[in-house]
């Protein structure tokens, strides 16, 4: 009797996260020379029997990923360049690679056939080998590629018109280093030694989570082979505060690419990217806090000046003009005109 897998469990199995709320990063530290290989074909099944499909249990065949689209998400941190972060090989000449060049910049290489040279996406203006955690999100549908790095706006790219749109006969996914028996691209071969040193986390390719399959006992663990010992770590990546969204509400889900007017975070036709709302809210909160602090400081300065202004002073009833008068009596007379009348009356009394 076939037992249905609960929806929550199925959702957890198909993400690179762990935990009861599916928001805990699963990652590992790679030492120099270490690598991980995920075979898309199930053990004991050859490429002809698999038909060139992505093998990712327990996915039903009716919802198997399309070869004309990919979703790649991962986070990494490293201080050594060059290196290979992720590489997807095939039984043909098709491949996909994400690497860090000697300058520390990120490069994405796509070869889907139909072109003499691979199509490259170079992010030259950012150093990705600075030891800080960086997140990479790549979405492709046919010839449209959407790239988002960290908190920066996403950018759209397009494969050449002569390029194919299908990733034919996928074979293996590599992390850290490429160990392939067949011929590989010259640039990949050049950057493949000594290998990646650093941390990789939340790695997901379509509905495959290779690091999670290696570190957790899942149905996909039989597809994984690791050279070296993986030390689990979240790589210092920002924690996921919300569980992964469903396909209906996720703007990164591939179904949104089916129409020509795909609603991406970045629309090349409009020429502008949607800014991060979190950054706007942070700026507003920071401005309010700055105003409050400024008001408190102004109040304190006023109080301190007022206190020092009156400190050590006292008031007396000393007659005004005492300093300029010749005597005390003269001062009193100058200050109080009635005082002279009192003296005159006293003199009159003595005369009587």
C-alpha atoms as a PDB file:
ATOM      1  CA  UNK A   1       0.000   0.000   0.000  1.00  0.00           C
ATOM      2  CA  UNK A   2       1.384   3.404  -1.012  1.00  0.00           C
ATOM      3  CA  UNK A   3       1.787   5.810   1.912  1.00  0.00           C
ATOM      4  CA  UNK A   4       1.517   9.497   1.141  1.00  0.00           C
ATOM      5  CA  UNK A   5       4.238  11.745   2.494  1.00  0.00           C
ATOM      6  CA  UNK A   6       2.864  14.594   4.662  1.00  0.00           C
ATOM      7  CA  UNK A   7       3.009  17.972   2.921  1.00  0.00           C
ATOM      8  CA  UNK A   8       5.152  19.562   5.646  1.00  0.00           C
ATOM      9  CA  UNK A   9       7.668  16.700   5.533  1.00  0.00           C
ATOM     10  CA  UNK A  10       7.773  16.783   1.734  1.00  0.00           C
ATOM     11  CA  UNK A  11       8.409  20.508   1.847  1.00  0.00           C
ATOM     12  CA  UNK A  12      11.225  20.036   4.358  1.00  0.00           C
ATOM     13  CA  UNK A  13      12.840  17.286   2.280  1.00  0.00           C
ATOM     14  CA  UNK A  14      13.023  19.586  -0.741  1.00  0.00           C
ATOM     15  CA  UNK A  15      14.759  22.519   0.948  1.00  0.00           C
ATOM     16  CA  UNK A  16      18.321  23.137   2.085  1.00  0.00           C
ATOM     17  CA  UNK A  17      17.092  23.936   5.594  1.00  0.00           C
ATOM     18  CA  UNK A  18      16.398  21.878   8.679  1.00  0.00           C
ATOM     19  CA  UNK A  19      14.564  22.199  11.967  1.00  0.00           C
ATOM     20  CA  UNK A  20      10.912  22.095  13.029  1.00  0.00           C
ATOM     21  CA  UNK A  21      10.174  25.347  11.181  1.00  0.00           C
ATOM     22  CA  UNK A  22      12.433  24.577   8.208  1.00  0.00           C
ATOM     23  CA  UNK A  23      14.576  27.668   8.827  1.00  0.00           C
ATOM     24  CA  UNK A  24      17.862  26.262  10.181  1.00  0.00           C
ATOM     25  CA  UNK A  25      20.821  26.454   7.817  1.00  0.00           C
ATOM     26  CA  UNK A  26      22.569  23.223   6.857  1.00  0.00           C
ATOM     27  CA  UNK A  27      26.171  23.816   5.803  1.00  0.00           C
ATOM     28  CA  UNK A  28      29.717  22.567   6.174  1.00  0.00           C
ATOM     29  CA  UNK A  29      33.317  23.741   6.209  1.00  0.00           C
ATOM     30  CA  UNK A  30      35.530  22.541   3.354  1.00  0.00           C
ATOM     31  CA  UNK A  31      39.246  22.114   3.834  1.00  0.00           C
ATOM     32  CA  UNK A  32      41.636  22.341   0.897  1.00  0.00           C
ATOM     33  CA  UNK A  33      41.213  19.377  -1.434  1.00  0.00           C
ATOM     34  CA  UNK A  34      37.779  18.358  -0.122  1.00  0.00           C
ATOM     35  CA  UNK A  35      34.877  17.914  -2.503  1.00  0.00           C
ATOM     36  CA  UNK A  36      31.318  16.642  -2.671  1.00  0.00           C
ATOM     37  CA  UNK A  37      29.691  14.947  -5.647  1.00  0.00           C
ATOM     38  CA  UNK A  38      25.959  14.421  -6.090  1.00  0.00           C
ATOM     39  CA  UNK A  39      25.026  11.973  -8.854  1.00  0.00           C
ATOM     40  CA  UNK A  40      21.705  12.756 -10.515  1.00  0.00           C
ATOM     41  CA  UNK A  41      21.298   9.190 -11.719  1.00  0.00           C
ATOM     42  CA  UNK A  42      20.288   6.794  -8.986  1.00  0.00           C
ATOM     43  CA  UNK A  43      22.854   4.106  -8.091  1.00  0.00           C
ATOM     44  CA  UNK A  44      22.551   1.163 -10.466  1.00  0.00           C
ATOM     45  CA  UNK A  45      20.634   3.177 -13.092  1.00  0.00           C
ATOM     46  CA  UNK A  46      22.479   4.169 -16.263  1.00  0.00           C
ATOM     47  CA  UNK A  47      21.967   7.370 -18.201  1.00  0.00           C
ATOM     48  CA  UNK A  48      19.827   5.757 -20.914  1.00  0.00           C
ATOM     49  CA  UNK A  49      17.365   4.346 -18.390  1.00  0.00           C
ATOM     50  CA  UNK A  50      17.063   7.672 -16.597  1.00  0.00           C
ATOM     51  CA  UNK A  51      16.324   9.467 -19.856  1.00  0.00           C
ATOM     52  CA  UNK A  52      18.505  12.400 -18.914  1.00  0.00           C
ATOM     53  CA  UNK A  53      16.136  13.485 -16.133  1.00  0.00           C
ATOM     54  CA  UNK A  54      17.123  14.951 -12.793  1.00  0.00           C
ATOM     55  CA  UNK A  55      16.839  12.196 -10.203  1.00  0.00           C
ATOM     56  CA  UNK A  56      15.704  13.644  -6.893  1.00  0.00           C
ATOM     57  CA  UNK A  57      13.584  11.341  -4.761  1.00  0.00           C
ATOM     58  CA  UNK A  58      10.900  11.408  -3.557  1.00  0.00           C
ATOM     59  CA  UNK A  59       9.750  13.743  -6.357  1.00  0.00           C
ATOM     60  CA  UNK A  60       6.892  12.277  -8.441  1.00  0.00           C
ATOM     61  CA  UNK A  61       7.687  11.931 -12.166  1.00  0.00           C
ATOM     62  CA  UNK A  62       4.768  14.229 -13.064  1.00  0.00           C
ATOM     63  CA  UNK A  63       6.446  17.163 -11.322  1.00  0.00           C
ATOM     64  CA  UNK A  64      10.031  16.380 -12.332  1.00  0.00           C
ATOM     65  CA  UNK A  65      12.044  19.571 -12.971  1.00  0.00           C
ATOM     66  CA  UNK A  66      12.206  20.885 -16.520  1.00  0.00           C
ATOM     67  CA  UNK A  67      15.594  20.792 -18.254  1.00  0.00           C
ATOM     68  CA  UNK A  68      14.942  24.309 -19.574  1.00  0.00           C
ATOM     69  CA  UNK A  69      15.101  25.831 -16.113  1.00  0.00           C
ATOM     70  CA  UNK A  70      17.257  25.831 -12.983  1.00  0.00           C
ATOM     71  CA  UNK A  71      17.120  27.382  -9.549  1.00  0.00           C
ATOM     72  CA  UNK A  72      20.374  27.640  -7.576  1.00  0.00           C
ATOM     73  CA  UNK A  73      20.626  29.053  -4.066  1.00  0.00           C
ATOM     74  CA  UNK A  74      23.609  28.901  -1.707  1.00  0.00           C
ATOM     75  CA  UNK A  75      25.719  30.887   0.728  1.00  0.00           C
ATOM     76  CA  UNK A  76      29.507  30.783   1.012  1.00  0.00           C
ATOM     77  CA  UNK A  77      32.482  32.435   2.674  1.00  0.00           C
ATOM     78  CA  UNK A  78      36.151  32.165   1.727  1.00  0.00           C
ATOM     79  CA  UNK A  79      39.387  34.115   1.741  1.00  0.00           C
ATOM     80  CA  UNK A  80      41.137  32.124  -0.989  1.00  0.00           C
ATOM     81  CA  UNK A  81      40.789  32.622  -4.713  1.00  0.00           C
ATOM     82  CA  UNK A  82      40.477  31.258  -7.331  1.00  0.00           C
ATOM     83  CA  UNK A  83      38.156  28.354  -6.567  1.00  0.00           C
ATOM     84  CA  UNK A  84      35.148  26.437  -7.843  1.00  0.00           C
ATOM     85  CA  UNK A  85      32.018  26.846  -5.736  1.00  0.00           C
ATOM     86  CA  UNK A  86      29.513  24.779  -7.715  1.00  0.00           C
ATOM     87  CA  UNK A  87      29.749  22.793 -10.946  1.00  0.00           C
ATOM     88  CA  UNK A  88      27.091  20.776 -12.772  1.00  0.00           C
ATOM     89  CA  UNK A  89      28.342  18.341 -15.409  1.00  0.00           C
ATOM     90  CA  UNK A  90      26.523  16.387 -18.088  1.00  0.00           C
ATOM     91  CA  UNK A  91      26.986  13.409 -20.378  1.00  0.00           C
ATOM     92  CA  UNK A  92      27.339  15.932 -23.204  1.00  0.00           C
ATOM     93  CA  UNK A  93      29.334  19.169 -23.336  1.00  0.00           C
ATOM     94  CA  UNK A  94      26.697  21.083 -21.363  1.00  0.00           C
ATOM     95  CA  UNK A  95      27.773  22.436 -17.988  1.00  0.00           C
ATOM     96  CA  UNK A  96      27.094  25.129 -15.417  1.00  0.00           C
ATOM     97  CA  UNK A  97      29.764  26.573 -13.120  1.00  0.00           C
ATOM     98  CA  UNK A  98      29.882  29.183 -10.359  1.00  0.00           C
ATOM     99  CA  UNK A  99      33.441  30.172  -9.469  1.00  0.00           C
ATOM    100  CA  UNK A 100      35.564  32.843  -7.810  1.00  0.00           C
ATOM    101  CA  UNK A 101      38.240  34.333 -10.064  1.00  0.00           C
ATOM    102  CA  UNK A 102      41.768  35.239  -8.864  1.00  0.00           C
ATOM    103  CA  UNK A 103      40.624  38.837  -8.322  1.00  0.00           C
ATOM    104  CA  UNK A 104      37.919  37.673  -5.899  1.00  0.00           C
ATOM    105  CA  UNK A 105      35.096  38.478  -8.322  1.00  0.00           C
ATOM    106  CA  UNK A 106      32.300  36.027  -9.066  1.00  0.00           C
ATOM    107  CA  UNK A 107      31.790  34.386 -12.450  1.00  0.00           C
ATOM    108  CA  UNK A 108      28.964  32.198 -13.747  1.00  0.00           C
ATOM    109  CA  UNK A 109      29.648  30.063 -16.826  1.00  0.00           C
ATOM    110  CA  UNK A 110      26.848  28.505 -18.867  1.00  0.00           C
ATOM    111  CA  UNK A 111      27.374  26.142 -21.788  1.00  0.00           C
ATOM    112  CA  UNK A 112      24.162  24.681 -23.192  1.00  0.00           C
ATOM    113  CA  UNK A 113      25.402  24.010 -26.701  1.00  0.00           C
ATOM    114  CA  UNK A 114      24.897  25.974 -29.888  1.00  0.00           C
ATOM    115  CA  UNK A 115      27.748  28.391 -29.145  1.00  0.00           C
ATOM    116  CA  UNK A 116      31.493  28.095 -29.631  1.00  0.00           C
ATOM    117  CA  UNK A 117      32.340  29.479 -26.185  1.00  0.00           C
ATOM    118  CA  UNK A 118      30.530  29.336 -22.831  1.00  0.00           C
ATOM    119  CA  UNK A 119      28.408  32.321 -21.877  1.00  0.00           C
ATOM    120  CA  UNK A 120      29.972  34.194 -18.935  1.00  0.00           C
ATOM    121  CA  UNK A 121      28.432  36.458 -16.314  1.00  0.00           C
ATOM    122  CA  UNK A 122      31.140  38.439 -14.512  1.00  0.00           C
ATOM    123  CA  UNK A 123      30.517  40.429 -11.334  1.00  0.00           C
ATOM    124  CA  UNK A 124      33.730  42.438 -11.341  1.00  0.00           C
ATOM    125  CA  UNK A 125      32.899  45.244  -8.909  1.00  0.00           C
ATOM    126  CA  UNK A 126      32.598  43.144  -5.739  1.00  0.00           C
ATOM    127  CA  UNK A 127      35.203  41.137  -3.823  1.00  0.00           C
ATOM    128  CA  UNK A 128      33.544  37.869  -2.851  1.00  0.00           C
ATOM    129  CA  UNK A 129      36.696  36.397  -1.248  1.00  0.00           C
ATOM    130  CA  UNK A 130      36.753  38.753   1.745  1.00  0.00           C
ATOM    131  CA  UNK A 131      35.839  36.153   4.369  1.00  0.00           C
ATOM    132  CA  UNK A 132      32.278  37.455   4.753  1.00  0.00           C
ATOM    133  CA  UNK A 133      29.214  35.274   4.070  1.00  0.00           C
ATOM    134  CA  UNK A 134      27.687  35.919   0.651  1.00  0.00           C
ATOM    135  CA  UNK A 135      24.403  34.608  -0.730  1.00  0.00           C
ATOM    136  CA  UNK A 136      23.973  33.694  -4.397  1.00  0.00           C
ATOM    137  CA  UNK A 137      20.629  33.179  -6.149  1.00  0.00           C
ATOM    138  CA  UNK A 138      20.507  32.143  -9.802  1.00  0.00           C
ATOM    139  CA  UNK A 139      17.324  31.456 -11.744  1.00  0.00           C
ATOM    140  CA  UNK A 140      17.243  30.446 -15.405  1.00  0.00           C
ATOM    141  CA  UNK A 141      14.311  29.819 -17.684  1.00  0.00           C
ATOM    142  CA  UNK A 142      15.280  29.047 -21.255  1.00  0.00           C
ATOM    143  CA  UNK A 143      17.529  32.007 -22.224  1.00  0.00           C
ATOM    144  CA  UNK A 144      16.714  34.363 -19.347  1.00  0.00           C
ATOM    145  CA  UNK A 145      19.001  34.336 -16.302  1.00  0.00           C
ATOM    146  CA  UNK A 146      18.255  36.265 -13.104  1.00  0.00           C
ATOM    147  CA  UNK A 147      21.170  36.808 -10.707  1.00  0.00           C
ATOM    148  CA  UNK A 148      20.886  38.195  -7.182  1.00  0.00           C
ATOM    149  CA  UNK A 149      23.871  38.610  -4.854  1.00  0.00           C
ATOM    150  CA  UNK A 150      23.484  39.395  -1.161  1.00  0.00           C
ATOM    151  CA  UNK A 151      21.106  42.338  -0.590  1.00  0.00           C
ATOM    152  CA  UNK A 152      21.823  43.968  -3.950  1.00  0.00           C
ATOM    153  CA  UNK A 153      19.078  44.310  -6.581  1.00  0.00           C
ATOM    154  CA  UNK A 154      18.699  41.389  -8.944  1.00  0.00           C
ATOM    155  CA  UNK A 155      19.967  41.702 -12.517  1.00  0.00           C
ATOM    156  CA  UNK A 156      18.746  40.051 -15.708  1.00  0.00           C
ATOM    157  CA  UNK A 157      20.943  38.456 -18.378  1.00  0.00           C
ATOM    158  CA  UNK A 158      20.162  36.670 -21.628  1.00  0.00           C
ATOM    159  CA  UNK A 159      21.922  33.779 -23.319  1.00  0.00           C
ATOM    160  CA  UNK A 160      22.960  34.323 -26.946  1.00  0.00           C
ATOM    161  CA  UNK A 161      20.281  33.751 -29.563  1.00  0.00           C
ATOM    162  CA  UNK A 162      22.244  30.770 -30.913  1.00  0.00           C
ATOM    163  CA  UNK A 163      22.358  29.053 -27.508  1.00  0.00           C
ATOM    164  CA  UNK A 164      20.228  26.025 -26.729  1.00  0.00           C
ATOM    165  CA  UNK A 165      17.715  26.195 -23.903  1.00  0.00           C
ATOM    166  CA  UNK A 166      17.913  22.646 -22.507  1.00  0.00           C
ATOM    167  CA  UNK A 167      20.534  21.327 -20.097  1.00  0.00           C
ATOM    168  CA  UNK A 168      20.939  17.957 -21.774  1.00  0.00           C
ATOM    169  CA  UNK A 169      21.749  14.710 -19.935  1.00  0.00           C
ATOM    170  CA  UNK A 170      22.755  16.072 -16.516  1.00  0.00           C
ATOM    171  CA  UNK A 171      25.262  13.870 -14.743  1.00  0.00           C
ATOM    172  CA  UNK A 172      26.693  15.197 -11.458  1.00  0.00           C
ATOM    173  CA  UNK A 173      26.867  18.226  -9.202  1.00  0.00           C
ATOM    174  CA  UNK A 174      30.192  19.095  -7.541  1.00  0.00           C
ATOM    175  CA  UNK A 175      30.917  21.337  -4.571  1.00  0.00           C
ATOM    176  CA  UNK A 176      34.421  22.541  -3.724  1.00  0.00           C
ATOM    177  CA  UNK A 177      36.249  20.849  -6.569  1.00  0.00           C
ATOM    178  CA  UNK A 178      35.525  19.136  -9.887  1.00  0.00           C
ATOM    179  CA  UNK A 179      36.508  15.476 -10.145  1.00  0.00           C
ATOM    180  CA  UNK A 180      35.407  14.533 -13.642  1.00  0.00           C
ATOM    181  CA  UNK A 181      36.802  11.806 -15.876  1.00  0.00           C
ATOM    182  CA  UNK A 182      35.816  13.469 -19.135  1.00  0.00           C
ATOM    183  CA  UNK A 183      37.015  16.671 -20.737  1.00  0.00           C
ATOM    184  CA  UNK A 184      36.251  19.848 -18.807  1.00  0.00           C
ATOM    185  CA  UNK A 185      36.381  23.513 -19.705  1.00  0.00           C
ATOM    186  CA  UNK A 186      39.854  25.113 -19.681  1.00  0.00           C
ATOM    187  CA  UNK A 187      38.837  27.861 -17.249  1.00  0.00           C
ATOM    188  CA  UNK A 188      37.357  25.296 -14.881  1.00  0.00           C
ATOM    189  CA  UNK A 189      40.524  23.224 -15.094  1.00  0.00           C
ATOM    190  CA  UNK A 190      42.654  26.313 -14.376  1.00  0.00           C
ATOM    191  CA  UNK A 191      40.686  27.300 -11.261  1.00  0.00           C
ATOM    192  CA  UNK A 192      40.164  23.749 -10.006  1.00  0.00           C
ATOM    193  CA  UNK A 193      43.467  23.527  -8.081  1.00  0.00           C
ATOM    194  CA  UNK A 194      43.952  23.424  -5.125  1.00  0.00           C
ATOM    195  CA  UNK A 195      40.192  23.627  -4.549  1.00  0.00           C
ATOM    196  CA  UNK A 196      37.728  25.544  -2.427  1.00  0.00           C
ATOM    197  CA  UNK A 197      38.630  26.349   1.183  1.00  0.00           C
ATOM    198  CA  UNK A 198      35.863  27.865   3.241  1.00  0.00           C
ATOM    199  CA  UNK A 199      32.239  27.312   4.143  1.00  0.00           C
ATOM    200  CA  UNK A 200      29.186  26.433   2.054  1.00  0.00           C
ATOM    201  CA  UNK A 201      25.634  26.423   3.380  1.00  0.00           C
ATOM    202  CA  UNK A 202      21.965  26.274   2.303  1.00  0.00           C
ATOM    203  CA  UNK A 203      23.019  24.786  -1.055  1.00  0.00           C
ATOM    204  CA  UNK A 204      20.043  23.963  -3.245  1.00  0.00           C
ATOM    205  CA  UNK A 205      19.878  23.068  -6.932  1.00  0.00           C
ATOM    206  CA  UNK A 206      16.273  22.849  -8.095  1.00  0.00           C
ATOM    207  CA  UNK A 207      14.801  20.490  -5.500  1.00  0.00           C
ATOM    208  CA  UNK A 208      18.127  18.910  -4.574  1.00  0.00           C
ATOM    209  CA  UNK A 209      19.975  19.817  -1.366  1.00  0.00           C
ATOM    210  CA  UNK A 210      23.351  18.024  -1.683  1.00  0.00           C
ATOM    211  CA  UNK A 211      24.888  19.198   1.599  1.00  0.00           C
ATOM    212  CA  UNK A 212      21.765  18.268   3.505  1.00  0.00           C
ATOM    213  CA  UNK A 213      21.794  14.847   1.848  1.00  0.00           C
ATOM    214  CA  UNK A 214      25.408  14.377   2.976  1.00  0.00           C
ATOM    215  CA  UNK A 215      24.911  15.559   6.564  1.00  0.00           C
ATOM    216  CA  UNK A 216      21.432  14.126   7.149  1.00  0.00           C
ATOM    217  CA  UNK A 217      20.162  10.652   6.465  1.00  0.00           C
ATOM    218  CA  UNK A 218      17.642  11.243   3.663  1.00  0.00           C
ATOM    219  CA  UNK A 219      16.390   9.358   0.634  1.00  0.00           C
ATOM    220  CA  UNK A 220      18.944  11.243  -1.463  1.00  0.00           C
ATOM    221  CA  UNK A 221      21.954  10.266   0.666  1.00  0.00           C
ATOM    222  CA  UNK A 222      22.751   7.352  -1.650  1.00  0.00           C
ATOM    223  CA  UNK A 223      23.451   9.862  -4.437  1.00  0.00           C
ATOM    224  CA  UNK A 224      26.223  11.607  -2.464  1.00  0.00           C
ATOM    225  CA  UNK A 225      29.948  10.907  -2.304  1.00  0.00           C
ATOM    226  CA  UNK A 226      32.266  13.030  -0.147  1.00  0.00           C
ATOM    227  CA  UNK A 227      36.051  13.215  -0.222  1.00  0.00           C
ATOM    228  CA  UNK A 228      37.221  14.309   3.227  1.00  0.00           C
ATOM    229  CA  UNK A 229      35.341  14.977   6.442  1.00  0.00           C
ATOM    230  CA  UNK A 230      32.584  17.561   6.424  1.00  0.00           C
ATOM    231  CA  UNK A 231      32.374  19.692   9.572  1.00  0.00           C
ATOM    232  CA  UNK A 232      28.855  21.056   9.913  1.00  0.00           C
ATOM    233  CA  UNK A 233      28.513  24.843  10.119  1.00  0.00           C
ATOM    234  CA  UNK A 234      26.068  27.554   9.069  1.00  0.00           C
ATOM    235  CA  UNK A 235      29.004  29.664   7.772  1.00  0.00           C
ATOM    236  CA  UNK A 236      27.835  32.705   9.712  1.00  0.00           C
ATOM    237  CA  UNK A 237      25.011  33.261   7.241  1.00  0.00           C
ATOM    238  CA  UNK A 238      22.013  35.307   8.333  1.00  0.00           C
ATOM    239  CA  UNK A 239      19.342  33.000   9.764  1.00  0.00           C
ATOM    240  CA  UNK A 240      16.140  32.476   7.845  1.00  0.00           C
ATOM    241  CA  UNK A 241      13.477  34.239   9.928  1.00  0.00           C
ATOM    242  CA  UNK A 242      10.594  32.875   7.880  1.00  0.00           C
ATOM    243  CA  UNK A 243       9.990  29.446   6.428  1.00  0.00           C
ATOM    244  CA  UNK A 244      10.465  29.099   2.662  1.00  0.00           C
ATOM    245  CA  UNK A 245       7.454  30.444   0.752  1.00  0.00           C
ATOM    246  CA  UNK A 246       5.152  28.319  -1.302  1.00  0.00           C
ATOM    247  CA  UNK A 247       5.333  28.389  -5.081  1.00  0.00           C
ATOM    248  CA  UNK A 248       2.206  30.543  -5.238  1.00  0.00           C
ATOM    249  CA  UNK A 249       3.735  33.400  -3.234  1.00  0.00           C
ATOM    250  CA  UNK A 250       7.450  32.993  -3.937  1.00  0.00           C
ATOM    251  CA  UNK A 251       8.599  35.604  -6.517  1.00  0.00           C
ATOM    252  CA  UNK A 252      11.665  33.433  -7.239  1.00  0.00           C
ATOM    253  CA  UNK A 253       9.641  30.371  -8.162  1.00  0.00           C
ATOM    254  CA  UNK A 254      10.170  29.236 -11.730  1.00  0.00           C
ATOM    255  CA  UNK A 255       6.479  29.276 -12.633  1.00  0.00           C
ATOM    256  CA  UNK A 256       6.678  33.055 -12.794  1.00  0.00           C
ATOM    257  CA  UNK A 257       9.008  32.753 -15.784  1.00  0.00           C
ATOM    258  CA  UNK A 258       6.381  31.189 -18.035  1.00  0.00           C
ATOM    259  CA  UNK A 259       5.063  34.507 -19.323  1.00  0.00           C
ATOM    260  CA  UNK A 260       6.923  37.172 -21.261  1.00  0.00           C
ATOM    261  CA  UNK A 261       6.024  39.742 -18.613  1.00  0.00           C
ATOM    262  CA  UNK A 262       7.519  37.736 -15.751  1.00  0.00           C
ATOM    263  CA  UNK A 263       7.203  39.587 -12.473  1.00  0.00           C
ATOM    264  CA  UNK A 264      10.798  39.454 -11.253  1.00  0.00           C
ATOM    265  CA  UNK A 265      12.387  41.632  -8.588  1.00  0.00           C
ATOM    266  CA  UNK A 266      14.157  43.275 -11.554  1.00  0.00           C
ATOM    267  CA  UNK A 267      12.486  44.109 -14.854  1.00  0.00           C
ATOM    268  CA  UNK A 268      14.961  45.017 -17.619  1.00  0.00           C
ATOM    269  CA  UNK A 269      12.206  46.760 -19.573  1.00  0.00           C
ATOM    270  CA  UNK A 270      11.582  49.216 -16.774  1.00  0.00           C
ATOM    271  CA  UNK A 271      15.278  49.756 -16.197  1.00  0.00           C
ATOM    272  CA  UNK A 272      15.033  49.918 -12.435  1.00  0.00           C
ATOM    273  CA  UNK A 273      15.175  47.465  -9.584  1.00  0.00           C
ATOM    274  CA  UNK A 274      12.914  47.241  -6.581  1.00  0.00           C
ATOM    275  CA  UNK A 275      14.808  48.357  -3.539  1.00  0.00           C
ATOM    276  CA  UNK A 276      14.858  46.316  -0.406  1.00  0.00           C
ATOM    277  CA  UNK A 277      11.986  47.351   1.882  1.00  0.00           C
ATOM    278  CA  UNK A 278      13.914  46.210   4.917  1.00  0.00           C
ATOM    279  CA  UNK A 279      16.611  48.807   4.212  1.00  0.00           C
ATOM    280  CA  UNK A 280      13.956  51.565   3.937  1.00  0.00           C
ATOM    281  CA  UNK A 281      12.430  50.607   7.271  1.00  0.00           C
ATOM    282  CA  UNK A 282      15.853  50.525   8.899  1.00  0.00           C
ATOM    283  CA  UNK A 283      16.598  54.025   7.606  1.00  0.00           C
ATOM    284  CA  UNK A 284      13.316  55.389   9.002  1.00  0.00           C
ATOM    285  CA  UNK A 285      13.892  53.803  12.406  1.00  0.00           C
ATOM    286  CA  UNK A 286      17.460  55.121  12.463  1.00  0.00           C
ATOM    287  CA  UNK A 287      16.238  58.637  11.668  1.00  0.00           C
ATOM    288  CA  UNK A 288      13.681  58.575  14.486  1.00  0.00           C
ATOM    289  CA  UNK A 289      16.291  57.362  16.969  1.00  0.00           C
ATOM    290  CA  UNK A 290      18.697  60.109  15.858  1.00  0.00           C
ATOM    291  CA  UNK A 291      16.035  62.805  16.405  1.00  0.00           C
ATOM    292  CA  UNK A 292      15.231  61.488  19.887  1.00  0.00           C
ATOM    293  CA  UNK A 293      18.912  61.404  20.874  1.00  0.00           C
ATOM    294  CA  UNK A 294      19.437  64.950  19.534  1.00  0.00           C
ATOM    295  CA  UNK A 295      16.455  66.239  21.547  1.00  0.00           C
ATOM    296  CA  UNK A 296      17.736  64.626  24.747  1.00  0.00           C
ATOM    297  CA  UNK A 297      21.216  66.106  24.255  1.00  0.00           C
ATOM    298  CA  UNK A 298      19.807  69.605  23.663  1.00  0.00           C
ATOM    299  CA  UNK A 299      17.728  69.349  26.846  1.00  0.00           C
ATOM    300  CA  UNK A 300      20.743  68.246  28.883  1.00  0.00           C
ATOM    301  CA  UNK A 301      22.869  71.119  27.536  1.00  0.00           C
ATOM    302  CA  UNK A 302      20.166  73.657  28.463  1.00  0.00           C
ATOM    303  CA  UNK A 303      19.822  72.274  32.002  1.00  0.00           C
ATOM    304  CA  UNK A 304      23.578  72.232  32.583  1.00  0.00           C
ATOM    305  CA  UNK A 305      23.987  75.846  31.410  1.00  0.00           C
ATOM    306  CA  UNK A 306      21.084  76.968  33.600  1.00  0.00           C
ATOM    307  CA  UNK A 307      22.556  75.251  36.677  1.00  0.00           C
ATOM    308  CA  UNK A 308      26.053  76.709  36.177  1.00  0.00           C
ATOM    309  CA  UNK A 309      24.649  80.175  35.525  1.00  0.00           C
ATOM    310  CA  UNK A 310      22.973  80.369  38.957  1.00  0.00           C
ATOM    311  CA  UNK A 311      25.467  78.310  40.905  1.00  0.00           C
ATOM    312  CA  UNK A 312      26.973  80.250  43.962  1.00  0.00           C
ATOM    313  CA  UNK A 313      24.706  83.347  43.651  1.00  0.00           C
ATOM    314  CA  UNK A 314      22.397  84.682  46.400  1.00  0.00           C
ATOM    315  CA  UNK A 315      20.102  87.650  46.873  1.00  0.00           C
ATOM    316  CA  UNK A 316      20.245  90.232  49.746  1.00  0.00           C
ATOM    317  CA  UNK A 317      18.196  93.211  50.766  1.00  0.00           C
ATOM    318  CA  UNK A 318      21.205  95.479  50.607  1.00  0.00           C
ATOM    319  CA  UNK A 319      20.255  98.917  49.435  1.00  0.00           C
ATOM    320  CA  UNK A 320      21.006  99.781  45.852  1.00  0.00           C
ATOM    321  CA  UNK A 321      23.800 102.288  45.383  1.00  0.00           C
ATOM    322  CA  UNK A 322      25.652 101.151  48.503  1.00  0.00           C
ATOM    323  CA  UNK A 323      28.885 100.838  46.595  1.00  0.00           C
ATOM    324  CA  UNK A 324      28.806 104.452  45.294  1.00  0.00           C
ATOM    325  CA  UNK A 325      27.503 106.109  48.520  1.00  0.00           C
ATOM    326  CA  UNK A 326      29.861 107.907  50.946  1.00  0.00           C
ATOM    327  CA  UNK A 327      28.410 106.151  53.992  1.00  0.00           C
ATOM    328  CA  UNK A 328      25.782 103.673  55.015  1.00  0.00           C
ATOM    329  CA  UNK A 329      23.382 106.439  56.022  1.00  0.00           C
ATOM    330  CA  UNK A 330      23.786 108.126  52.695  1.00  0.00           C
ATOM    331  CA  UNK A 331      23.063 104.857  50.927  1.00  0.00           C
ATOM    332  CA  UNK A 332      19.890 104.389  52.929  1.00  0.00           C
ATOM    333  CA  UNK A 333      18.804 107.940  52.255  1.00  0.00           C
ATOM    334  CA  UNK A 334      19.383 107.549  48.546  1.00  0.00           C
ATOM    335  CA  UNK A 335      17.443 104.325  48.452  1.00  0.00           C
ATOM    336  CA  UNK A 336      14.566 105.339  50.789  1.00  0.00           C
ATOM    337  CA  UNK A 337      13.322 108.976  50.530  1.00  0.00           C
ATOM    338  CA  UNK A 338      11.082 108.534  53.593  1.00  0.00           C
ATOM    339  CA  UNK A 339      14.157 108.033  55.744  1.00  0.00           C
ATOM    340  CA  UNK A 340      14.938 111.812  55.690  1.00  0.00           C
ATOM    341  CA  UNK A 341      11.433 112.614  56.843  1.00  0.00           C
ATOM    342  CA  UNK A 342      11.877 110.315  59.839  1.00  0.00           C
ATOM    343  CA  UNK A 343      15.068 112.145  60.828  1.00  0.00           C
ATOM    344  CA  UNK A 344      13.370 115.557  60.563  1.00  0.00           C
ATOM    345  CA  UNK A 345      10.502 114.414  62.776  1.00  0.00           C
ATOM    346  CA  UNK A 346      12.999 113.123  65.363  1.00  0.00           C
ATOM    347  CA  UNK A 347      14.738 116.503  65.416  1.00  0.00           C
ATOM    348  CA  UNK A 348      11.432 118.270  65.983  1.00  0.00           C
ATOM    349  CA  UNK A 349      10.663 116.060  68.963  1.00  0.00           C
ATOM    350  CA  UNK A 350      14.011 116.958  70.558  1.00  0.00           C
ATOM    351  CA  UNK A 351      13.303 120.648  70.070  1.00  0.00           C
ATOM    352  CA  UNK A 352       9.973 120.364  71.867  1.00  0.00           C
END
